[in-house]
Amino acid sequence: MALHNQTLVTEFILQGFSETPQVQILLFISLLFLYLIALTGNILIVMAIGLNSGLHTPMYFFLANLAILDIGCTCTVLPKLLENLYVEKKSISYEGCMTQVFFLTFFLDIELLLFTAMAYDRYVAICHPLRYRTMMSRMVCMLLVSSVWATGVFSSLINTGLMVRLTFCGPNEIQHFLCEIPSLLVLSCSSTYLNNIMVVIADVYFGVINFVLTMVSYGFIISNILKIRTTEGKKKAFSTCSSHLMVVSMYYTTIIYAYIFPGSDSSVDNSKVVTLLYTAVDPALNPFIYTLRNKDFKTALKNCFQSLNNYK
């Protein structure tokens, strides 16, 4: 039938947090602040690492990629959310919704893979320090990051392609403030069997397997740190991976809650809050977590500002 060859729904209505004007104003100001902090902090990280040759190491190379992902994630979600907090009609076009699905899936998948690569980097640095330069050479780092980005593109293309083939002809109100695959699947009036299979495969690969690999890496790391005899040595070793472990813990906690826990009516609002944590709060906090106790980065940032002032 022709019904299966066309999309009857031309726009979706996004469900906000509250209809109370005062609450919407407070949310708008808070989210705009987080958005600006996330953009500024992560852009500064990329600039400092790119302009300072002393930070051209595997750890900072991965950190620069993480900052780029955080910028992309916030730019995918927050501009539309801020717009819908300002306007009366909280809607998004079909094309805009599918675009958001692609980029949200893209950035989230890559971030999970990158966390695993960063955990492996810290594992090599602490457990095999004498072989670090060989095992984490420039070529190895480039191959790791390239494979991470390529896998993210491939996964997003498949999942978004499967979403585009669906027909939406009934309710068009998404029980969320953004377009994501689980929220859209319940609105489709065509079979979502293949989509559900791909969602499970993606959750297992990007979520479960990468989480296990990251935890295994940190299991070896902690075991190795405990073998260090001096307290100072233990502190120095742990300081090189504590920031990454903190960010990974925050991110996986929110992701697991948002995508593994069942979406009952009572948990819809909680799911929105949790989604805000990994799309807005985490990207804003990451620059502070990675740089506050990092003397090398602080020095590089000062040099970066000095160079900009001299240029003026």
C-alpha atoms as a PDB file:
ATOM      1  CA  MET A   1       0.000   0.000   0.000  1.00  0.00           C
ATOM      2  CA  ALA A   2       1.037   3.596  -0.531  1.00  0.00           C
ATOM      3  CA  LEU A   3       0.869   4.131   3.216  1.00  0.00           C
ATOM      4  CA  HIS A   4       4.147   2.306   3.643  1.00  0.00           C
ATOM      5  CA  ASN A   5       5.906   4.492   1.085  1.00  0.00           C
ATOM      6  CA  GLN A   6       5.218   7.828   2.734  1.00  0.00           C
ATOM      7  CA  THR A   7       5.504   9.564   6.064  1.00  0.00           C
ATOM      8  CA  LEU A   8       2.136  11.008   7.076  1.00  0.00           C
ATOM      9  CA  VAL A   9       3.542  12.771  10.117  1.00  0.00           C
ATOM     10  CA  THR A  10       5.433  15.890   9.025  1.00  0.00           C
ATOM     11  CA  GLU A  11       6.339  17.100  12.513  1.00  0.00           C
ATOM     12  CA  PHE A  12       6.577  15.813  16.058  1.00  0.00           C
ATOM     13  CA  ILE A  13       5.510  17.502  19.285  1.00  0.00           C
ATOM     14  CA  LEU A  14       8.159  17.351  21.991  1.00  0.00           C
ATOM     15  CA  GLN A  15       7.066  17.046  25.598  1.00  0.00           C
ATOM     16  CA  GLY A  16       8.703  19.624  27.811  1.00  0.00           C
ATOM     17  CA  PHE A  17       9.445  19.612  31.526  1.00  0.00           C
ATOM     18  CA  SER A  18       6.761  21.957  32.766  1.00  0.00           C
ATOM     19  CA  GLU A  19       4.098  24.337  31.482  1.00  0.00           C
ATOM     20  CA  THR A  20       4.675  26.783  34.329  1.00  0.00           C
ATOM     21  CA  PRO A  21       6.244  29.991  32.913  1.00  0.00           C
ATOM     22  CA  GLN A  22       8.453  30.555  35.967  1.00  0.00           C
ATOM     23  CA  VAL A  23       9.851  27.028  35.758  1.00  0.00           C
ATOM     24  CA  GLN A  24      10.457  27.382  32.015  1.00  0.00           C
ATOM     25  CA  ILE A  25      12.353  30.655  32.539  1.00  0.00           C
ATOM     26  CA  LEU A  26      14.501  29.076  35.251  1.00  0.00           C
ATOM     27  CA  LEU A  27      15.208  26.061  33.034  1.00  0.00           C
ATOM     28  CA  PHE A  28      16.041  28.298  30.072  1.00  0.00           C
ATOM     29  CA  ILE A  29      18.558  30.333  32.072  1.00  0.00           C
ATOM     30  CA  SER A  30      20.120  27.230  33.668  1.00  0.00           C
ATOM     31  CA  LEU A  31      20.435  25.319  30.392  1.00  0.00           C
ATOM     32  CA  LEU A  32      21.771  28.338  28.526  1.00  0.00           C
ATOM     33  CA  PHE A  33      24.420  28.709  31.233  1.00  0.00           C
ATOM     34  CA  LEU A  34      25.359  25.015  30.952  1.00  0.00           C
ATOM     35  CA  TYR A  35      25.441  25.277  27.158  1.00  0.00           C
ATOM     36  CA  LEU A  36      27.813  28.247  27.214  1.00  0.00           C
ATOM     37  CA  ILE A  37      30.013  26.605  29.848  1.00  0.00           C
ATOM     38  CA  ALA A  38      30.181  23.360  27.851  1.00  0.00           C
ATOM     39  CA  LEU A  39      31.043  25.179  24.611  1.00  0.00           C
ATOM     40  CA  THR A  40      33.621  27.486  26.209  1.00  0.00           C
ATOM     41  CA  GLY A  41      35.308  24.810  28.324  1.00  0.00           C
ATOM     42  CA  ASN A  42      35.572  22.208  25.576  1.00  0.00           C
ATOM     43  CA  ILE A  43      36.679  24.696  22.928  1.00  0.00           C
ATOM     44  CA  LEU A  44      39.435  25.863  25.289  1.00  0.00           C
ATOM     45  CA  ILE A  45      40.538  22.242  25.764  1.00  0.00           C
ATOM     46  CA  VAL A  46      40.787  21.688  22.008  1.00  0.00           C
ATOM     47  CA  MET A  47      42.643  24.992  21.520  1.00  0.00           C
ATOM     48  CA  ALA A  48      45.105  24.412  24.358  1.00  0.00           C
ATOM     49  CA  ILE A  49      45.933  20.881  23.222  1.00  0.00           C
ATOM     50  CA  GLY A  50      46.157  21.850  19.557  1.00  0.00           C
ATOM     51  CA  LEU A  51      48.409  24.877  20.119  1.00  0.00           C
ATOM     52  CA  ASN A  52      50.746  23.372  22.732  1.00  0.00           C
ATOM     53  CA  SER A  53      53.190  20.771  21.463  1.00  0.00           C
ATOM     54  CA  GLY A  54      53.839  19.604  25.032  1.00  0.00           C
ATOM     55  CA  LEU A  55      50.306  18.209  25.136  1.00  0.00           C
ATOM     56  CA  HIS A  56      50.633  16.218  21.919  1.00  0.00           C
ATOM     57  CA  THR A  57      50.526  12.910  23.772  1.00  0.00           C
ATOM     58  CA  PRO A  58      48.006  10.039  23.503  1.00  0.00           C
ATOM     59  CA  MET A  59      46.162  11.031  26.693  1.00  0.00           C
ATOM     60  CA  TYR A  60      45.559  14.600  25.519  1.00  0.00           C
ATOM     61  CA  PHE A  61      44.844  13.449  21.967  1.00  0.00           C
ATOM     62  CA  PHE A  62      41.968  11.344  23.297  1.00  0.00           C
ATOM     63  CA  LEU A  63      40.887  14.194  25.570  1.00  0.00           C
ATOM     64  CA  ALA A  64      40.694  16.583  22.595  1.00  0.00           C
ATOM     65  CA  ASN A  65      38.460  14.082  20.794  1.00  0.00           C
ATOM     66  CA  LEU A  66      36.259  13.795  23.883  1.00  0.00           C
ATOM     67  CA  ALA A  67      35.934  17.587  23.996  1.00  0.00           C
ATOM     68  CA  ILE A  68      34.874  17.638  20.330  1.00  0.00           C
ATOM     69  CA  LEU A  69      32.253  14.964  21.064  1.00  0.00           C
ATOM     70  CA  ASP A  70      30.913  16.949  24.025  1.00  0.00           C
ATOM     71  CA  ILE A  71      30.601  20.039  21.830  1.00  0.00           C
ATOM     72  CA  GLY A  72      28.752  18.028  19.199  1.00  0.00           C
ATOM     73  CA  CYS A  73      26.417  16.398  21.726  1.00  0.00           C
ATOM     74  CA  THR A  74      25.364  19.658  23.380  1.00  0.00           C
ATOM     75  CA  CYS A  75      24.897  21.361  19.994  1.00  0.00           C
ATOM     76  CA  THR A  76      22.665  18.474  18.892  1.00  0.00           C
ATOM     77  CA  VAL A  77      20.338  18.698  21.893  1.00  0.00           C
ATOM     78  CA  LEU A  78      20.413  22.044  23.693  1.00  0.00           C
ATOM     79  CA  PRO A  79      19.658  24.595  20.916  1.00  0.00           C
ATOM     80  CA  LYS A  80      16.325  22.904  20.106  1.00  0.00           C
ATOM     81  CA  LEU A  81      15.535  22.433  23.791  1.00  0.00           C
ATOM     82  CA  LEU A  82      16.223  26.112  24.493  1.00  0.00           C
ATOM     83  CA  GLU A  83      14.037  27.099  21.544  1.00  0.00           C
ATOM     84  CA  ASN A  84      11.146  24.956  22.787  1.00  0.00           C
ATOM     85  CA  LEU A  85      11.427  26.476  26.258  1.00  0.00           C
ATOM     86  CA  TYR A  86      10.999  29.900  24.640  1.00  0.00           C
ATOM     87  CA  VAL A  87       8.248  29.265  22.057  1.00  0.00           C
ATOM     88  CA  GLU A  88       4.702  28.108  22.757  1.00  0.00           C
ATOM     89  CA  LYS A  89       4.573  25.299  20.179  1.00  0.00           C
ATOM     90  CA  LYS A  90       7.192  22.716  21.102  1.00  0.00           C
ATOM     91  CA  SER A  91       7.644  20.964  17.789  1.00  0.00           C
ATOM     92  CA  ILE A  92      10.329  19.593  15.502  1.00  0.00           C
ATOM     93  CA  SER A  93      10.021  18.703  11.823  1.00  0.00           C
ATOM     94  CA  TYR A  94      10.277  15.099  10.671  1.00  0.00           C
ATOM     95  CA  GLU A  95      13.553  15.864   8.891  1.00  0.00           C
ATOM     96  CA  GLY A  96      14.904  17.701  11.936  1.00  0.00           C
ATOM     97  CA  CYS A  97      13.916  14.790  14.163  1.00  0.00           C
ATOM     98  CA  MET A  98      15.712  12.219  12.011  1.00  0.00           C
ATOM     99  CA  THR A  99      18.770  14.495  11.862  1.00  0.00           C
ATOM    100  CA  GLN A 100      18.784  14.737  15.651  1.00  0.00           C
ATOM    101  CA  VAL A 101      18.463  10.947  15.915  1.00  0.00           C
ATOM    102  CA  PHE A 102      21.485  10.500  13.655  1.00  0.00           C
ATOM    103  CA  PHE A 103      23.778  12.924  15.448  1.00  0.00           C
ATOM    104  CA  LEU A 104      22.665  11.979  18.970  1.00  0.00           C
ATOM    105  CA  THR A 105      23.284   8.292  18.223  1.00  0.00           C
ATOM    106  CA  PHE A 106      26.547   9.204  16.508  1.00  0.00           C
ATOM    107  CA  PHE A 107      28.025  11.210  19.378  1.00  0.00           C
ATOM    108  CA  LEU A 108      26.825   8.894  22.173  1.00  0.00           C
ATOM    109  CA  ASP A 109      28.145   5.759  20.455  1.00  0.00           C
ATOM    110  CA  ILE A 110      31.532   7.318  19.742  1.00  0.00           C
ATOM    111  CA  GLU A 111      31.838   8.602  23.304  1.00  0.00           C
ATOM    112  CA  LEU A 112      31.353   5.112  24.734  1.00  0.00           C
ATOM    113  CA  LEU A 113      33.980   3.707  22.360  1.00  0.00           C
ATOM    114  CA  LEU A 114      36.360   6.551  23.156  1.00  0.00           C
ATOM    115  CA  PHE A 115      36.060   5.876  26.885  1.00  0.00           C
ATOM    116  CA  THR A 116      37.248   2.329  26.210  1.00  0.00           C
ATOM    117  CA  ALA A 117      40.197   3.611  24.159  1.00  0.00           C
ATOM    118  CA  MET A 118      41.088   6.067  26.938  1.00  0.00           C
ATOM    119  CA  ALA A 119      40.897   3.273  29.532  1.00  0.00           C
ATOM    120  CA  TYR A 120      43.243   1.171  27.394  1.00  0.00           C
ATOM    121  CA  ASP A 121      45.641   4.127  27.168  1.00  0.00           C
ATOM    122  CA  ARG A 122      45.719   4.460  30.952  1.00  0.00           C
ATOM    123  CA  TYR A 123      46.129   0.681  31.297  1.00  0.00           C
ATOM    124  CA  VAL A 124      49.227   0.719  29.075  1.00  0.00           C
ATOM    125  CA  ALA A 125      50.627   3.820  30.819  1.00  0.00           C
ATOM    126  CA  ILE A 126      50.383   2.300  34.305  1.00  0.00           C
ATOM    127  CA  CYS A 127      50.783  -1.428  33.685  1.00  0.00           C
ATOM    128  CA  HIS A 128      53.364  -1.267  30.853  1.00  0.00           C
ATOM    129  CA  PRO A 129      55.152   2.090  31.295  1.00  0.00           C
ATOM    130  CA  LEU A 130      58.377   0.974  29.582  1.00  0.00           C
ATOM    131  CA  ARG A 131      56.492  -0.080  26.451  1.00  0.00           C
ATOM    132  CA  TYR A 132      54.078   2.864  26.464  1.00  0.00           C
ATOM    133  CA  ARG A 133      55.620   4.796  23.573  1.00  0.00           C
ATOM    134  CA  THR A 134      55.644   1.699  21.404  1.00  0.00           C
ATOM    135  CA  MET A 135      52.189   0.408  22.305  1.00  0.00           C
ATOM    136  CA  MET A 136      50.609   3.865  22.093  1.00  0.00           C
ATOM    137  CA  SER A 137      52.539   5.281  19.151  1.00  0.00           C
ATOM    138  CA  ARG A 138      51.126   8.054  16.998  1.00  0.00           C
ATOM    139  CA  MET A 139      50.030   5.512  14.376  1.00  0.00           C
ATOM    140  CA  VAL A 140      48.267   3.334  16.957  1.00  0.00           C
ATOM    141  CA  CYS A 141      46.416   6.343  18.382  1.00  0.00           C
ATOM    142  CA  MET A 142      45.327   7.479  14.921  1.00  0.00           C
ATOM    143  CA  LEU A 143      44.086   3.980  14.082  1.00  0.00           C
ATOM    144  CA  LEU A 144      42.184   3.732  17.377  1.00  0.00           C
ATOM    145  CA  VAL A 145      40.462   7.097  16.979  1.00  0.00           C
ATOM    146  CA  SER A 146      39.751   6.556  13.276  1.00  0.00           C
ATOM    147  CA  SER A 147      38.126   3.193  13.994  1.00  0.00           C
ATOM    148  CA  VAL A 148      36.091   4.751  16.806  1.00  0.00           C
ATOM    149  CA  TRP A 149      34.717   7.517  14.566  1.00  0.00           C
ATOM    150  CA  ALA A 150      34.142   5.144  11.624  1.00  0.00           C
ATOM    151  CA  THR A 151      32.208   2.721  13.837  1.00  0.00           C
ATOM    152  CA  GLY A 152      30.069   5.585  15.133  1.00  0.00           C
ATOM    153  CA  VAL A 153      29.237   6.721  11.597  1.00  0.00           C
ATOM    154  CA  PHE A 154      28.390   3.163  10.506  1.00  0.00           C
ATOM    155  CA  SER A 155      26.142   2.543  13.518  1.00  0.00           C
ATOM    156  CA  SER A 156      24.313   5.873  13.154  1.00  0.00           C
ATOM    157  CA  LEU A 157      23.723   5.355   9.448  1.00  0.00           C
ATOM    158  CA  ILE A 158      22.217   1.906  10.058  1.00  0.00           C
ATOM    159  CA  ASN A 159      19.974   2.967  12.941  1.00  0.00           C
ATOM    160  CA  THR A 160      18.833   6.201  11.294  1.00  0.00           C
ATOM    161  CA  GLY A 161      18.240   4.374   8.006  1.00  0.00           C
ATOM    162  CA  LEU A 162      16.029   1.885   9.834  1.00  0.00           C
ATOM    163  CA  MET A 163      14.123   4.775  11.443  1.00  0.00           C
ATOM    164  CA  VAL A 164      13.551   6.517   8.095  1.00  0.00           C
ATOM    165  CA  ARG A 165      11.930   3.395   6.637  1.00  0.00           C
ATOM    166  CA  LEU A 166       9.245   3.426   9.348  1.00  0.00           C
ATOM    167  CA  THR A 167       5.815   4.966   8.831  1.00  0.00           C
ATOM    168  CA  PHE A 168       4.459   7.479  11.323  1.00  0.00           C
ATOM    169  CA  CYS A 169       0.749   7.960  10.787  1.00  0.00           C
ATOM    170  CA  GLY A 170      -0.783   8.196  14.246  1.00  0.00           C
ATOM    171  CA  PRO A 171       0.183  10.044  17.461  1.00  0.00           C
ATOM    172  CA  ASN A 172       3.072  12.447  16.981  1.00  0.00           C
ATOM    173  CA  GLU A 173       3.778  13.512  20.570  1.00  0.00           C
ATOM    174  CA  ILE A 174       7.171  12.307  21.752  1.00  0.00           C
ATOM    175  CA  GLN A 175       7.313  11.660  25.498  1.00  0.00           C
ATOM    176  CA  HIS A 176      10.670  13.385  25.702  1.00  0.00           C
ATOM    177  CA  PHE A 177      12.326  16.735  24.994  1.00  0.00           C
ATOM    178  CA  LEU A 178      14.401  15.278  22.134  1.00  0.00           C
ATOM    179  CA  CYS A 179      14.178  12.764  19.314  1.00  0.00           C
ATOM    180  CA  GLU A 180      15.673   9.437  20.297  1.00  0.00           C
ATOM    181  CA  ILE A 181      15.099   5.966  18.924  1.00  0.00           C
ATOM    182  CA  PRO A 182      13.171   4.364  21.870  1.00  0.00           C
ATOM    183  CA  SER A 183      10.722   7.291  22.080  1.00  0.00           C
ATOM    184  CA  LEU A 184      10.068   7.216  18.337  1.00  0.00           C
ATOM    185  CA  LEU A 185       9.600   3.465  17.995  1.00  0.00           C
ATOM    186  CA  VAL A 186       6.450   3.508  20.142  1.00  0.00           C
ATOM    187  CA  LEU A 187       4.887   6.058  17.746  1.00  0.00           C
ATOM    188  CA  SER A 188       5.433   4.066  14.561  1.00  0.00           C
ATOM    189  CA  CYS A 189       2.439   2.384  12.917  1.00  0.00           C
ATOM    190  CA  SER A 190       4.657  -0.048  10.988  1.00  0.00           C
ATOM    191  CA  SER A 191       6.682  -3.012  12.206  1.00  0.00           C
ATOM    192  CA  THR A 192       9.630  -2.069  14.426  1.00  0.00           C
ATOM    193  CA  TYR A 193      10.910  -5.626  14.820  1.00  0.00           C
ATOM    194  CA  LEU A 194      14.192  -5.031  12.968  1.00  0.00           C
ATOM    195  CA  ASN A 195      14.699  -1.698  14.726  1.00  0.00           C
ATOM    196  CA  ASN A 196      14.294  -3.333  18.133  1.00  0.00           C
ATOM    197  CA  ILE A 197      16.842  -6.000  17.221  1.00  0.00           C
ATOM    198  CA  MET A 198      19.365  -3.355  16.169  1.00  0.00           C
ATOM    199  CA  VAL A 199      18.731  -1.372  19.352  1.00  0.00           C
ATOM    200  CA  VAL A 200      19.500  -4.450  21.463  1.00  0.00           C
ATOM    201  CA  ILE A 201      22.648  -5.198  19.423  1.00  0.00           C
ATOM    202  CA  ALA A 202      23.806  -1.573  19.764  1.00  0.00           C
ATOM    203  CA  ASP A 203      23.081  -1.540  23.515  1.00  0.00           C
ATOM    204  CA  VAL A 204      25.054  -4.754  24.015  1.00  0.00           C
ATOM    205  CA  TYR A 205      28.013  -3.659  21.875  1.00  0.00           C
ATOM    206  CA  PHE A 206      28.319   0.014  22.781  1.00  0.00           C
ATOM    207  CA  GLY A 207      27.019  -0.239  26.329  1.00  0.00           C
ATOM    208  CA  VAL A 208      27.664  -3.635  27.871  1.00  0.00           C
ATOM    209  CA  ILE A 209      30.819  -4.778  26.049  1.00  0.00           C
ATOM    210  CA  ASN A 210      32.556  -1.402  26.258  1.00  0.00           C
ATOM    211  CA  PHE A 211      31.589  -1.049  29.911  1.00  0.00           C
ATOM    212  CA  VAL A 212      33.075  -4.497  30.664  1.00  0.00           C
ATOM    213  CA  LEU A 213      36.275  -3.692  28.727  1.00  0.00           C
ATOM    214  CA  THR A 214      36.629  -0.380  30.564  1.00  0.00           C
ATOM    215  CA  MET A 215      36.084  -2.010  33.948  1.00  0.00           C
ATOM    216  CA  VAL A 216      38.557  -4.812  33.117  1.00  0.00           C
ATOM    217  CA  SER A 217      41.166  -2.188  32.190  1.00  0.00           C
ATOM    218  CA  TYR A 218      40.619  -0.397  35.488  1.00  0.00           C
ATOM    219  CA  GLY A 219      40.718  -3.691  37.343  1.00  0.00           C
ATOM    220  CA  PHE A 220      44.267  -4.232  36.065  1.00  0.00           C
ATOM    221  CA  ILE A 221      45.119  -0.577  36.720  1.00  0.00           C
ATOM    222  CA  ILE A 222      43.961  -0.635  40.357  1.00  0.00           C
ATOM    223  CA  SER A 223      45.652  -3.987  40.929  1.00  0.00           C
ATOM    224  CA  ASN A 224      48.903  -2.568  39.588  1.00  0.00           C
ATOM    225  CA  ILE A 225      48.606   0.622  41.650  1.00  0.00           C
ATOM    226  CA  LEU A 226      48.122  -1.387  44.848  1.00  0.00           C
ATOM    227  CA  LYS A 227      51.412  -3.166  44.173  1.00  0.00           C
ATOM    228  CA  ILE A 228      53.316   0.143  44.312  1.00  0.00           C
ATOM    229  CA  ARG A 229      55.111   0.295  47.655  1.00  0.00           C
ATOM    230  CA  THR A 230      55.252   4.038  48.282  1.00  0.00           C
ATOM    231  CA  THR A 231      52.194   6.142  49.070  1.00  0.00           C
ATOM    232  CA  GLU A 232      53.508   8.930  46.857  1.00  0.00           C
ATOM    233  CA  GLY A 233      53.882   6.514  43.966  1.00  0.00           C
ATOM    234  CA  LYS A 234      50.323   5.275  44.419  1.00  0.00           C
ATOM    235  CA  LYS A 235      48.969   8.839  44.465  1.00  0.00           C
ATOM    236  CA  LYS A 236      50.908   9.779  41.338  1.00  0.00           C
ATOM    237  CA  ALA A 237      49.741   6.691  39.455  1.00  0.00           C
ATOM    238  CA  PHE A 238      46.117   7.104  40.499  1.00  0.00           C
ATOM    239  CA  SER A 239      46.106  10.819  39.621  1.00  0.00           C
ATOM    240  CA  THR A 240      46.793   9.963  35.974  1.00  0.00           C
ATOM    241  CA  CYS A 241      43.519   8.033  35.668  1.00  0.00           C
ATOM    242  CA  SER A 242      41.237   9.391  38.418  1.00  0.00           C
ATOM    243  CA  SER A 243      39.707  12.087  36.202  1.00  0.00           C
ATOM    244  CA  HIS A 244      38.862   9.614  33.454  1.00  0.00           C
ATOM    245  CA  LEU A 245      37.421   7.127  35.954  1.00  0.00           C
ATOM    246  CA  MET A 246      35.220   9.861  37.433  1.00  0.00           C
ATOM    247  CA  VAL A 247      33.882  10.929  34.023  1.00  0.00           C
ATOM    248  CA  VAL A 248      33.285   7.320  32.946  1.00  0.00           C
ATOM    249  CA  SER A 249      31.394   6.573  36.175  1.00  0.00           C
ATOM    250  CA  MET A 250      29.148   9.618  35.748  1.00  0.00           C
ATOM    251  CA  TYR A 251      28.462   8.877  32.094  1.00  0.00           C
ATOM    252  CA  TYR A 252      27.743   5.174  32.399  1.00  0.00           C
ATOM    253  CA  THR A 253      25.501   5.718  35.417  1.00  0.00           C
ATOM    254  CA  THR A 254      23.251   8.087  33.480  1.00  0.00           C
ATOM    255  CA  ILE A 255      23.324   6.029  30.263  1.00  0.00           C
ATOM    256  CA  ILE A 256      22.410   2.797  32.071  1.00  0.00           C
ATOM    257  CA  TYR A 257      19.532   4.502  33.884  1.00  0.00           C
ATOM    258  CA  ALA A 258      18.195   6.135  30.711  1.00  0.00           C
ATOM    259  CA  TYR A 259      18.405   3.133  28.375  1.00  0.00           C
ATOM    260  CA  ILE A 260      18.291  -0.012  30.523  1.00  0.00           C
ATOM    261  CA  PHE A 261      15.664   0.845  33.103  1.00  0.00           C
ATOM    262  CA  PRO A 262      12.081   0.411  31.830  1.00  0.00           C
ATOM    263  CA  GLY A 263      10.336   3.606  30.772  1.00  0.00           C
ATOM    264  CA  SER A 264       7.233   3.486  32.957  1.00  0.00           C
ATOM    265  CA  ASP A 265       4.997   6.523  33.331  1.00  0.00           C
ATOM    266  CA  SER A 266       6.473   7.266  36.757  1.00  0.00           C
ATOM    267  CA  SER A 267      10.004   7.304  35.348  1.00  0.00           C
ATOM    268  CA  VAL A 268       9.404   9.493  32.271  1.00  0.00           C
ATOM    269  CA  ASP A 269      10.324  12.725  34.081  1.00  0.00           C
ATOM    270  CA  ASN A 270      13.300  11.002  35.725  1.00  0.00           C
ATOM    271  CA  SER A 271      14.466   9.849  32.292  1.00  0.00           C
ATOM    272  CA  LYS A 272      14.359  13.447  31.052  1.00  0.00           C
ATOM    273  CA  VAL A 273      16.481  14.614  33.968  1.00  0.00           C
ATOM    274  CA  VAL A 274      18.968  11.784  33.451  1.00  0.00           C
ATOM    275  CA  THR A 275      19.193  12.581  29.728  1.00  0.00           C
ATOM    276  CA  LEU A 276      19.966  16.188  30.623  1.00  0.00           C
ATOM    277  CA  LEU A 277      22.812  14.959  32.800  1.00  0.00           C
ATOM    278  CA  TYR A 278      24.710  13.251  29.954  1.00  0.00           C
ATOM    279  CA  THR A 279      23.798  15.766  27.230  1.00  0.00           C
ATOM    280  CA  ALA A 280      24.243  19.014  29.176  1.00  0.00           C
ATOM    281  CA  VAL A 281      25.687  18.616  32.678  1.00  0.00           C
ATOM    282  CA  ASP A 282      28.449  16.091  31.894  1.00  0.00           C
ATOM    283  CA  PRO A 283      29.820  18.066  28.892  1.00  0.00           C
ATOM    284  CA  ALA A 284      29.902  21.190  31.091  1.00  0.00           C
ATOM    285  CA  LEU A 285      31.663  19.420  33.984  1.00  0.00           C
ATOM    286  CA  ASN A 286      34.186  17.400  31.964  1.00  0.00           C
ATOM    287  CA  PRO A 287      36.532  20.356  31.239  1.00  0.00           C
ATOM    288  CA  PHE A 288      36.705  21.145  34.967  1.00  0.00           C
ATOM    289  CA  ILE A 289      37.226  17.510  35.994  1.00  0.00           C
ATOM    290  CA  TYR A 290      40.073  17.013  33.518  1.00  0.00           C
ATOM    291  CA  THR A 291      41.829  20.347  34.028  1.00  0.00           C
ATOM    292  CA  LEU A 292      41.392  21.589  37.621  1.00  0.00           C
ATOM    293  CA  ARG A 293      44.208  19.413  39.031  1.00  0.00           C
ATOM    294  CA  ASN A 294      46.235  19.212  35.822  1.00  0.00           C
ATOM    295  CA  LYS A 295      49.258  21.520  36.056  1.00  0.00           C
ATOM    296  CA  ASP A 296      50.409  20.796  32.492  1.00  0.00           C
ATOM    297  CA  PHE A 297      47.058  21.791  31.058  1.00  0.00           C
ATOM    298  CA  LYS A 298      46.867  24.960  33.186  1.00  0.00           C
ATOM    299  CA  THR A 299      50.286  25.984  31.913  1.00  0.00           C
ATOM    300  CA  ALA A 300      49.275  25.256  28.327  1.00  0.00           C
ATOM    301  CA  LEU A 301      46.091  27.288  28.742  1.00  0.00           C
ATOM    302  CA  LYS A 302      48.056  30.268  30.112  1.00  0.00           C
ATOM    303  CA  ASN A 303      50.460  30.038  27.177  1.00  0.00           C
ATOM    304  CA  CYS A 304      47.487  29.884  24.830  1.00  0.00           C
ATOM    305  CA  PHE A 305      46.015  33.107  26.249  1.00  0.00           C
ATOM    306  CA  GLN A 306      49.413  34.786  26.210  1.00  0.00           C
ATOM    307  CA  SER A 307      49.859  33.874  22.554  1.00  0.00           C
ATOM    308  CA  LEU A 308      46.454  35.305  21.731  1.00  0.00           C
ATOM    309  CA  ASN A 309      47.282  38.542  23.577  1.00  0.00           C
ATOM    310  CA  ASN A 310      50.622  38.854  21.787  1.00  0.00           C
ATOM    311  CA  TYR A 311      48.884  38.247  18.480  1.00  0.00           C
ATOM    312  CA  LYS A 312      46.508  41.150  19.185  1.00  0.00           C
END
